[in-house]
C-alpha atoms as a PDB file:
ATOM      1  CA  MET A   1       0.019   3.440   1.102  1.00  0.00           C
ATOM      2  CA  GLU A   2       1.806   4.428   4.392  1.00  0.00           C
ATOM      3  CA  ILE A   3       5.430   3.812   4.699  1.00  0.00           C
ATOM      4  CA  ILE A   4       6.316   2.464   8.394  1.00  0.00           C
ATOM      5  CA  PRO A   5      10.037   2.877   9.193  1.00  0.00           C
ATOM      6  CA  ALA A   6      11.580   0.230  11.361  1.00  0.00           C
ATOM      7  CA  ILE A   7      14.024   0.570  14.348  1.00  0.00           C
ATOM      8  CA  ASP A   8      15.271  -2.580  15.891  1.00  0.00           C
ATOM      9  CA  ILE A   9      16.890  -2.265  19.291  1.00  0.00           C
ATOM     10  CA  ILE A  10      19.839  -4.074  20.969  1.00  0.00           C
ATOM     11  CA  ASP A  11      21.180  -2.766  24.066  1.00  0.00           C
ATOM     12  CA  GLY A  12      19.467   0.585  23.520  1.00  0.00           C
ATOM     13  CA  LYS A  13      21.092   0.882  20.007  1.00  0.00           C
ATOM     14  CA  CYS A  14      19.512   1.035  16.531  1.00  0.00           C
ATOM     15  CA  VAL A  15      20.551  -2.076  14.768  1.00  0.00           C
ATOM     16  CA  ARG A  16      19.662  -4.388  11.920  1.00  0.00           C
ATOM     17  CA  LEU A  17      19.969  -8.039  11.585  1.00  0.00           C
ATOM     18  CA  THR A  18      20.080 -10.359   8.433  1.00  0.00           C
ATOM     19  CA  GLN A  19      17.403 -13.160   8.507  1.00  0.00           C
ATOM     20  CA  GLY A  20      16.912 -12.657  12.312  1.00  0.00           C
ATOM     21  CA  ASP A  21      20.490 -13.734  12.964  1.00  0.00           C
ATOM     22  CA  TYR A  22      21.915 -12.124  16.004  1.00  0.00           C
ATOM     23  CA  ALA A  23      25.375 -12.934  14.850  1.00  0.00           C
ATOM     24  CA  GLN A  24      24.694 -10.781  11.641  1.00  0.00           C
ATOM     25  CA  LYS A  25      24.085  -7.605  13.481  1.00  0.00           C
ATOM     26  CA  THR A  26      24.982  -4.057  12.181  1.00  0.00           C
ATOM     27  CA  VAL A  27      24.843  -1.118  14.619  1.00  0.00           C
ATOM     28  CA  TYR A  28      23.430   1.986  12.612  1.00  0.00           C
ATOM     29  CA  ASN A  29      23.001   4.601  15.394  1.00  0.00           C
ATOM     30  CA  GLU A  30      23.710   4.668  19.268  1.00  0.00           C
ATOM     31  CA  HIS A  31      20.565   6.878  19.528  1.00  0.00           C
ATOM     32  CA  PRO A  32      17.356   5.612  18.241  1.00  0.00           C
ATOM     33  CA  LEU A  33      15.634   8.901  19.109  1.00  0.00           C
ATOM     34  CA  GLU A  34      17.821  10.689  16.610  1.00  0.00           C
ATOM     35  CA  VAL A  35      16.583   8.216  14.090  1.00  0.00           C
ATOM     36  CA  ALA A  36      13.006   8.533  15.026  1.00  0.00           C
ATOM     37  CA  LYS A  37      13.162  12.310  14.895  1.00  0.00           C
ATOM     38  CA  ALA A  38      14.769  12.005  11.430  1.00  0.00           C
ATOM     39  CA  PHE A  39      11.713  10.077  10.288  1.00  0.00           C
ATOM     40  CA  GLU A  40       9.230  12.322  11.816  1.00  0.00           C
ATOM     41  CA  GLY A  41      11.128  15.212  10.228  1.00  0.00           C
ATOM     42  CA  ALA A  42      10.543  13.723   6.770  1.00  0.00           C
ATOM     43  CA  GLY A  43       6.979  13.394   7.387  1.00  0.00           C
ATOM     44  CA  LEU A  44       6.471   9.959   8.361  1.00  0.00           C
ATOM     45  CA  LYS A  45       3.731   9.192  10.910  1.00  0.00           C
ATOM     46  CA  ARG A  46       4.442   5.772  12.132  1.00  0.00           C
ATOM     47  CA  LEU A  47       7.146   3.689  13.592  1.00  0.00           C
ATOM     48  CA  HIS A  48       7.737  -0.119  13.801  1.00  0.00           C
ATOM     49  CA  LEU A  49       9.900  -0.645  16.988  1.00  0.00           C
ATOM     50  CA  VAL A  50      11.253  -3.949  17.641  1.00  0.00           C
ATOM     51  CA  ASP A  51      12.833  -4.919  21.056  1.00  0.00           C
ATOM     52  CA  LEU A  52      15.353  -7.634  19.885  1.00  0.00           C
ATOM     53  CA  ASP A  53      16.594  -8.217  23.349  1.00  0.00           C
ATOM     54  CA  GLY A  54      13.203  -8.691  24.444  1.00  0.00           C
ATOM     55  CA  ALA A  55      12.508 -11.157  21.710  1.00  0.00           C
ATOM     56  CA  LYS A  56      15.550 -13.129  22.820  1.00  0.00           C
ATOM     57  CA  SER A  57      14.749 -13.161  26.324  1.00  0.00           C
ATOM     58  CA  GLY A  58      11.053 -13.566  26.242  1.00  0.00           C
ATOM     59  CA  ALA A  59      10.336 -10.479  28.269  1.00  0.00           C
ATOM     60  CA  VAL A  60      10.114  -6.664  27.324  1.00  0.00           C
ATOM     61  CA  LYS A  61      13.518  -5.066  27.795  1.00  0.00           C
ATOM     62  CA  ASN A  62      13.859  -1.843  25.879  1.00  0.00           C
ATOM     63  CA  TRP A  63      10.786  -0.013  27.016  1.00  0.00           C
ATOM     64  CA  LYS A  64      12.761   2.979  27.972  1.00  0.00           C
ATOM     65  CA  VAL A  65      13.639   3.578  24.396  1.00  0.00           C
ATOM     66  CA  LEU A  66       9.913   3.210  23.644  1.00  0.00           C
ATOM     67  CA  GLU A  67       9.104   5.680  26.367  1.00  0.00           C
ATOM     68  CA  THR A  68      11.654   8.264  25.240  1.00  0.00           C
ATOM     69  CA  ILE A  69      10.531   8.089  21.448  1.00  0.00           C
ATOM     70  CA  ALA A  70       6.909   8.340  22.156  1.00  0.00           C
ATOM     71  CA  GLY A  71       7.381  11.150  24.808  1.00  0.00           C
ATOM     72  CA  LYS A  72       9.496  13.090  22.260  1.00  0.00           C
ATOM     73  CA  THR A  73       7.915  12.475  18.952  1.00  0.00           C
ATOM     74  CA  SER A  74       4.368  12.379  17.711  1.00  0.00           C
ATOM     75  CA  LEU A  75       5.033   9.040  15.855  1.00  0.00           C
ATOM     76  CA  VAL A  76       2.341   6.272  15.957  1.00  0.00           C
ATOM     77  CA  ILE A  77       4.261   3.526  17.433  1.00  0.00           C
ATOM     78  CA  ASP A  78       3.830  -0.211  17.242  1.00  0.00           C
ATOM     79  CA  PHE A  79       6.069  -2.109  19.742  1.00  0.00           C
ATOM     80  CA  GLY A  80       7.009  -5.723  19.523  1.00  0.00           C
ATOM     81  CA  GLY A  81       9.466  -8.275  21.046  1.00  0.00           C
ATOM     82  CA  GLY A  82       9.257 -10.102  24.306  1.00  0.00           C
ATOM     83  CA  ILE A  83       5.470  -9.633  24.820  1.00  0.00           C
ATOM     84  CA  LYS A  84       4.581 -12.904  26.357  1.00  0.00           C
ATOM     85  CA  GLN A  85       2.494 -11.919  29.526  1.00  0.00           C
ATOM     86  CA  GLU A  86      -0.143  -9.428  30.387  1.00  0.00           C
ATOM     87  CA  LYS A  87       2.391  -7.493  32.527  1.00  0.00           C
ATOM     88  CA  ASP A  88       4.451  -6.944  29.061  1.00  0.00           C
ATOM     89  CA  VAL A  89       1.253  -5.737  27.293  1.00  0.00           C
ATOM     90  CA  ASN A  90       0.794  -3.231  30.104  1.00  0.00           C
ATOM     91  CA  ILE A  91       4.362  -1.876  30.056  1.00  0.00           C
ATOM     92  CA  VAL A  92       4.253  -1.529  26.296  1.00  0.00           C
ATOM     93  CA  PHE A  93       1.000   0.643  26.397  1.00  0.00           C
ATOM     94  CA  GLU A  94       1.831   2.542  29.470  1.00  0.00           C
ATOM     95  CA  SER A  95       5.342   3.402  27.830  1.00  0.00           C
ATOM     96  CA  GLY A  96       3.433   5.051  24.862  1.00  0.00           C
ATOM     97  CA  ALA A  97       2.830   2.490  22.149  1.00  0.00           C
ATOM     98  CA  SER A  98      -0.223   2.856  20.297  1.00  0.00           C
ATOM     99  CA  LEU A  99      -0.157  -0.989  19.085  1.00  0.00           C
ATOM    100  CA  ALA A 100       1.468  -3.875  20.597  1.00  0.00           C
ATOM    101  CA  THR A 101       2.929  -6.216  17.892  1.00  0.00           C
ATOM    102  CA  ILE A 102       2.280 -10.023  18.545  1.00  0.00           C
ATOM    103  CA  GLY A 103       3.975 -12.846  16.373  1.00  0.00           C
ATOM    104  CA  SER A 104       4.854 -16.173  17.820  1.00  0.00           C
ATOM    105  CA  LEU A 105       2.635 -15.971  20.795  1.00  0.00           C
ATOM    106  CA  ALA A 106      -0.519 -15.989  18.450  1.00  0.00           C
ATOM    107  CA  VAL A 107       0.688 -19.449  17.352  1.00  0.00           C
ATOM    108  CA  LYS A 108       1.728 -20.801  20.574  1.00  0.00           C
ATOM    109  CA  ALA A 109      -0.576 -19.462  22.956  1.00  0.00           C
ATOM    110  CA  GLU A 110      -3.601 -18.667  21.164  1.00  0.00           C
ATOM    111  CA  ASP A 111      -6.045 -18.705  24.134  1.00  0.00           C
ATOM    112  CA  LEU A 112      -3.921 -15.878  25.729  1.00  0.00           C
ATOM    113  CA  PHE A 113      -3.746 -13.729  22.729  1.00  0.00           C
ATOM    114  CA  VAL A 114      -7.594 -14.175  22.120  1.00  0.00           C
ATOM    115  CA  GLN A 115      -8.142 -12.992  25.687  1.00  0.00           C
ATOM    116  CA  TRP A 116      -5.961  -9.993  25.249  1.00  0.00           C
ATOM    117  CA  LEU A 117      -7.929  -9.072  21.943  1.00  0.00           C
ATOM    118  CA  ALA A 118     -11.014  -9.320  24.170  1.00  0.00           C
ATOM    119  CA  GLN A 119      -9.408  -7.426  27.171  1.00  0.00           C
ATOM    120  CA  TYR A 120      -7.677  -4.344  25.333  1.00  0.00           C
ATOM    121  CA  GLY A 121      -9.623  -4.234  21.922  1.00  0.00           C
ATOM    122  CA  ALA A 122      -8.271  -5.968  18.874  1.00  0.00           C
ATOM    123  CA  HIS A 123      -7.470  -2.513  17.495  1.00  0.00           C
ATOM    124  CA  ARG A 124      -4.649  -2.201  19.999  1.00  0.00           C
ATOM    125  CA  PHE A 125      -2.801  -5.052  18.194  1.00  0.00           C
ATOM    126  CA  LEU A 126      -0.694  -5.508  15.257  1.00  0.00           C
ATOM    127  CA  LEU A 127      -0.562  -9.042  14.137  1.00  0.00           C
ATOM    128  CA  GLY A 128       2.877 -10.173  12.730  1.00  0.00           C
ATOM    129  CA  ALA A 129       3.180 -13.256  10.526  1.00  0.00           C
ATOM    130  CA  ASP A 130       6.371 -14.723   9.601  1.00  0.00           C
ATOM    131  CA  VAL A 131       5.940 -17.019   6.455  1.00  0.00           C
ATOM    132  CA  LYS A 132       8.133 -19.568   4.964  1.00  0.00           C
ATOM    133  CA  ASN A 133       6.733 -21.160   1.669  1.00  0.00           C
ATOM    134  CA  GLU A 134       3.280 -19.955   2.726  1.00  0.00           C
ATOM    135  CA  LYS A 135       3.393 -21.708   6.228  1.00  0.00           C
ATOM    136  CA  ILE A 136       3.886 -19.863   9.492  1.00  0.00           C
ATOM    137  CA  ALA A 137       7.231 -19.826  11.119  1.00  0.00           C
ATOM    138  CA  VAL A 138       8.037 -19.048  14.718  1.00  0.00           C
ATOM    139  CA  ALA A 139      10.874 -19.008  17.227  1.00  0.00           C
ATOM    140  CA  GLY A 140      13.063 -16.534  15.374  1.00  0.00           C
ATOM    141  CA  TRP A 141      12.157 -18.287  12.309  1.00  0.00           C
ATOM    142  CA  LEU A 142      14.014 -21.536  13.330  1.00  0.00           C
ATOM    143  CA  GLU A 143      10.810 -23.480  13.274  1.00  0.00           C
ATOM    144  CA  THR A 144       8.261 -23.719  10.571  1.00  0.00           C
ATOM    145  CA  THR A 145       4.769 -24.889  11.433  1.00  0.00           C
ATOM    146  CA  ASP A 146       2.308 -26.682   9.373  1.00  0.00           C
ATOM    147  CA  ILE A 147      -0.162 -23.616   9.769  1.00  0.00           C
ATOM    148  CA  TRP A 148      -1.089 -22.249   6.315  1.00  0.00           C
ATOM    149  CA  ILE A 149      -0.911 -18.369   6.250  1.00  0.00           C
ATOM    150  CA  TYR A 150      -4.340 -18.164   4.839  1.00  0.00           C
ATOM    151  CA  ASP A 151      -5.909 -20.223   7.709  1.00  0.00           C
ATOM    152  CA  PHE A 152      -3.959 -18.198  10.410  1.00  0.00           C
ATOM    153  CA  LEU A 153      -5.196 -14.796   8.992  1.00  0.00           C
ATOM    154  CA  ARG A 154      -8.846 -16.026   8.468  1.00  0.00           C
ATOM    155  CA  LYS A 155      -9.017 -16.987  12.330  1.00  0.00           C
ATOM    156  CA  TYR A 156      -7.485 -13.734  13.623  1.00  0.00           C
ATOM    157  CA  ILE A 157      -9.724 -11.653  11.305  1.00  0.00           C
ATOM    158  CA  GLY A 158     -12.607 -13.393  12.887  1.00  0.00           C
ATOM    159  CA  TYR A 159     -11.405 -12.300  16.339  1.00  0.00           C
ATOM    160  CA  GLY A 160     -11.339  -8.580  15.002  1.00  0.00           C
ATOM    161  CA  ILE A 161      -7.722  -8.159  14.086  1.00  0.00           C
ATOM    162  CA  GLN A 162      -7.551  -5.358  11.438  1.00  0.00           C
ATOM    163  CA  GLN A 163      -3.802  -4.848  10.826  1.00  0.00           C
ATOM    164  CA  VAL A 164      -1.409  -7.619   9.877  1.00  0.00           C
ATOM    165  CA  PHE A 165       2.261  -7.393   8.636  1.00  0.00           C
ATOM    166  CA  CYS A 166       3.645 -10.336   6.829  1.00  0.00           C
ATOM    167  CA  THR A 167       7.466 -11.220   6.551  1.00  0.00           C
ATOM    168  CA  ASP A 168       8.783 -13.684   4.055  1.00  0.00           C
ATOM    169  CA  VAL A 169      11.608 -14.765   6.327  1.00  0.00           C
ATOM    170  CA  SER A 170      13.714 -15.920   3.275  1.00  0.00           C
ATOM    171  CA  LYS A 171      13.900 -12.324   2.208  1.00  0.00           C
ATOM    172  CA  ASP A 172      14.233 -10.229   5.376  1.00  0.00           C
ATOM    173  CA  GLY A 173      17.288  -8.090   5.675  1.00  0.00           C
ATOM    174  CA  LYS A 174      18.646  -9.283   2.218  1.00  0.00           C
ATOM    175  CA  LEU A 175      17.314  -6.453  -0.004  1.00  0.00           C
ATOM    176  CA  GLU A 176      16.117  -8.898  -2.775  1.00  0.00           C
ATOM    177  CA  GLY A 177      12.807  -7.487  -3.120  1.00  0.00           C
ATOM    178  CA  PRO A 178       9.433  -8.258  -1.389  1.00  0.00           C
ATOM    179  CA  SER A 179       7.251 -11.241  -2.104  1.00  0.00           C
ATOM    180  CA  LEU A 180       4.769  -9.713  -4.365  1.00  0.00           C
ATOM    181  CA  THR A 181       3.165 -13.025  -5.544  1.00  0.00           C
ATOM    182  CA  MET A 182       2.321 -14.034  -2.030  1.00  0.00           C
ATOM    183  CA  TYR A 183       1.132 -10.722  -1.008  1.00  0.00           C
ATOM    184  CA  LYS A 184      -1.200 -10.365  -3.939  1.00  0.00           C
ATOM    185  CA  ASN A 185      -2.704 -13.716  -3.100  1.00  0.00           C
ATOM    186  CA  ILE A 186      -3.331 -12.559   0.452  1.00  0.00           C
ATOM    187  CA  LEU A 187      -4.945  -9.392  -0.640  1.00  0.00           C
ATOM    188  CA  ALA A 188      -7.160 -11.115  -3.158  1.00  0.00           C
ATOM    189  CA  GLU A 189      -8.320 -13.425  -0.249  1.00  0.00           C
ATOM    190  CA  PHE A 190      -8.687 -10.752   2.525  1.00  0.00           C
ATOM    191  CA  PRO A 191      -9.465  -7.437   0.529  1.00  0.00           C
ATOM    192  CA  GLU A 192     -10.887  -5.793   3.706  1.00  0.00           C
ATOM    193  CA  LEU A 193      -7.503  -6.459   5.693  1.00  0.00           C
ATOM    194  CA  GLN A 194      -5.091  -3.713   6.432  1.00  0.00           C
ATOM    195  CA  PHE A 195      -2.130  -5.536   4.971  1.00  0.00           C
ATOM    196  CA  ILE A 196       1.413  -4.388   5.649  1.00  0.00           C
ATOM    197  CA  ALA A 197       4.303  -5.639   3.610  1.00  0.00           C
ATOM    198  CA  SER A 198       7.382  -6.464   5.589  1.00  0.00           C
ATOM    199  CA  GLY A 199      10.945  -7.817   4.385  1.00  0.00           C
ATOM    200  CA  GLY A 200      12.955  -7.495   1.299  1.00  0.00           C
ATOM    201  CA  VAL A 201      12.097  -3.852   0.353  1.00  0.00           C
ATOM    202  CA  SER A 202      15.415  -2.772  -1.416  1.00  0.00           C
ATOM    203  CA  SER A 203      14.363   0.092  -3.704  1.00  0.00           C
ATOM    204  CA  LEU A 204      11.646   2.787  -4.386  1.00  0.00           C
ATOM    205  CA  ASP A 205      10.335   0.596  -7.204  1.00  0.00           C
ATOM    206  CA  ASP A 206       9.707  -2.165  -4.790  1.00  0.00           C
ATOM    207  CA  LEU A 207       7.417   0.193  -2.717  1.00  0.00           C
ATOM    208  CA  VAL A 208       5.835   1.509  -5.878  1.00  0.00           C
ATOM    209  CA  GLN A 209       4.763  -2.108  -6.817  1.00  0.00           C
ATOM    210  CA  LEU A 210       3.558  -2.822  -3.151  1.00  0.00           C
ATOM    211  CA  ALA A 211       1.360   0.275  -3.593  1.00  0.00           C
ATOM    212  CA  GLU A 212       0.138  -0.840  -6.843  1.00  0.00           C
ATOM    213  CA  ILE A 213      -0.908  -4.443  -5.589  1.00  0.00           C
ATOM    214  CA  GLY A 214      -3.020  -2.755  -2.789  1.00  0.00           C
ATOM    215  CA  CYS A 215      -0.831  -2.856   0.400  1.00  0.00           C
ATOM    216  CA  SER A 216      -1.910  -0.447   2.886  1.00  0.00           C
ATOM    217  CA  GLY A 217       1.412  -0.134   4.386  1.00  0.00           C
ATOM    218  CA  ALA A 218       5.088  -1.203   4.087  1.00  0.00           C
ATOM    219  CA  ILE A 219       7.737  -1.799   6.746  1.00  0.00           C
ATOM    220  CA  VAL A 220      11.234  -0.452   5.500  1.00  0.00           C
ATOM    221  CA  GLY A 221      14.151  -0.809   7.534  1.00  0.00           C
ATOM    222  CA  LYS A 222      17.501  -1.893   6.133  1.00  0.00           C
ATOM    223  CA  ALA A 223      16.940  -0.067   2.652  1.00  0.00           C
ATOM    224  CA  ILE A 224      16.873   3.277   4.537  1.00  0.00           C
ATOM    225  CA  TYR A 225      19.896   2.525   6.744  1.00  0.00           C
ATOM    226  CA  GLU A 226      21.879   1.378   3.706  1.00  0.00           C
ATOM    227  CA  ASN A 227      20.869   4.435   1.580  1.00  0.00           C
ATOM    228  CA  ARG A 228      19.080   2.464  -0.961  1.00  0.00           C
ATOM    229  CA  ILE A 229      15.983   4.584  -0.272  1.00  0.00           C
ATOM    230  CA  SER A 230      16.316   8.132   0.889  1.00  0.00           C
ATOM    231  CA  LEU A 231      13.884   9.857   3.276  1.00  0.00           C
ATOM    232  CA  ALA A 232      13.246  12.252   0.472  1.00  0.00           C
ATOM    233  CA  ASP A 233      12.149   9.429  -1.899  1.00  0.00           C
ATOM    234  CA  LEU A 234       9.397   8.676   0.550  1.00  0.00           C
ATOM    235  CA  GLN A 235       7.623  11.806   0.316  1.00  0.00           C
ATOM    236  CA  GLN A 236       5.462  10.657  -2.533  1.00  0.00           C
ATOM    237  CA  PHE A 237       3.912   8.155  -0.344  1.00  0.00           C
ATOM    238  CA  ARG A 238       2.591  10.856   2.112  1.00  0.00           C
END
């Protein structure tokens, strides 16, 4: 299982939110490149970079941070937040991201996303599924749809999507442990999927359990920043 550390950006700074709430913001580092270099120095290969300003405004904002990290590290970066138009996709790829992360747009503008999958190649996209009670949530988790997670994944696997990360929105940023039961069910239904766990990871034991149930990756954010998991701890997953 691959560990994918997360850097969330507001105003060019490395922050974390609790349950997507901009009012519950903690700034961890003024310089995201320093954080990214520390991850690279610990032997990690990937980075999950989230433009929270972009997510809020509906257009990519912090592409300069992406460009800097991509230019000064060898990390394989997926970048999301505010990708709503084709120009946003182009900015993300031109700034050095290997993958563009798409979430709500896959729910609200399916035709557009399917067009991008055909145009750029499905392998260039990481699909993010925010879930509440096994139903897809959108709009910064404020809105729960009636779309069942399994139907959602089945549809996009049919369009060629290979990598998906899934966040239980009730757990994100709360360090309460991941949604192992839901993840097991998804993995049983779609064994061929490169499935990445996200949200709730609070300890090394959580990561061991995610590896045991067959997750191909795990996004880890707050647990690293709060020193619940050290970078040295992550060496065993290399």
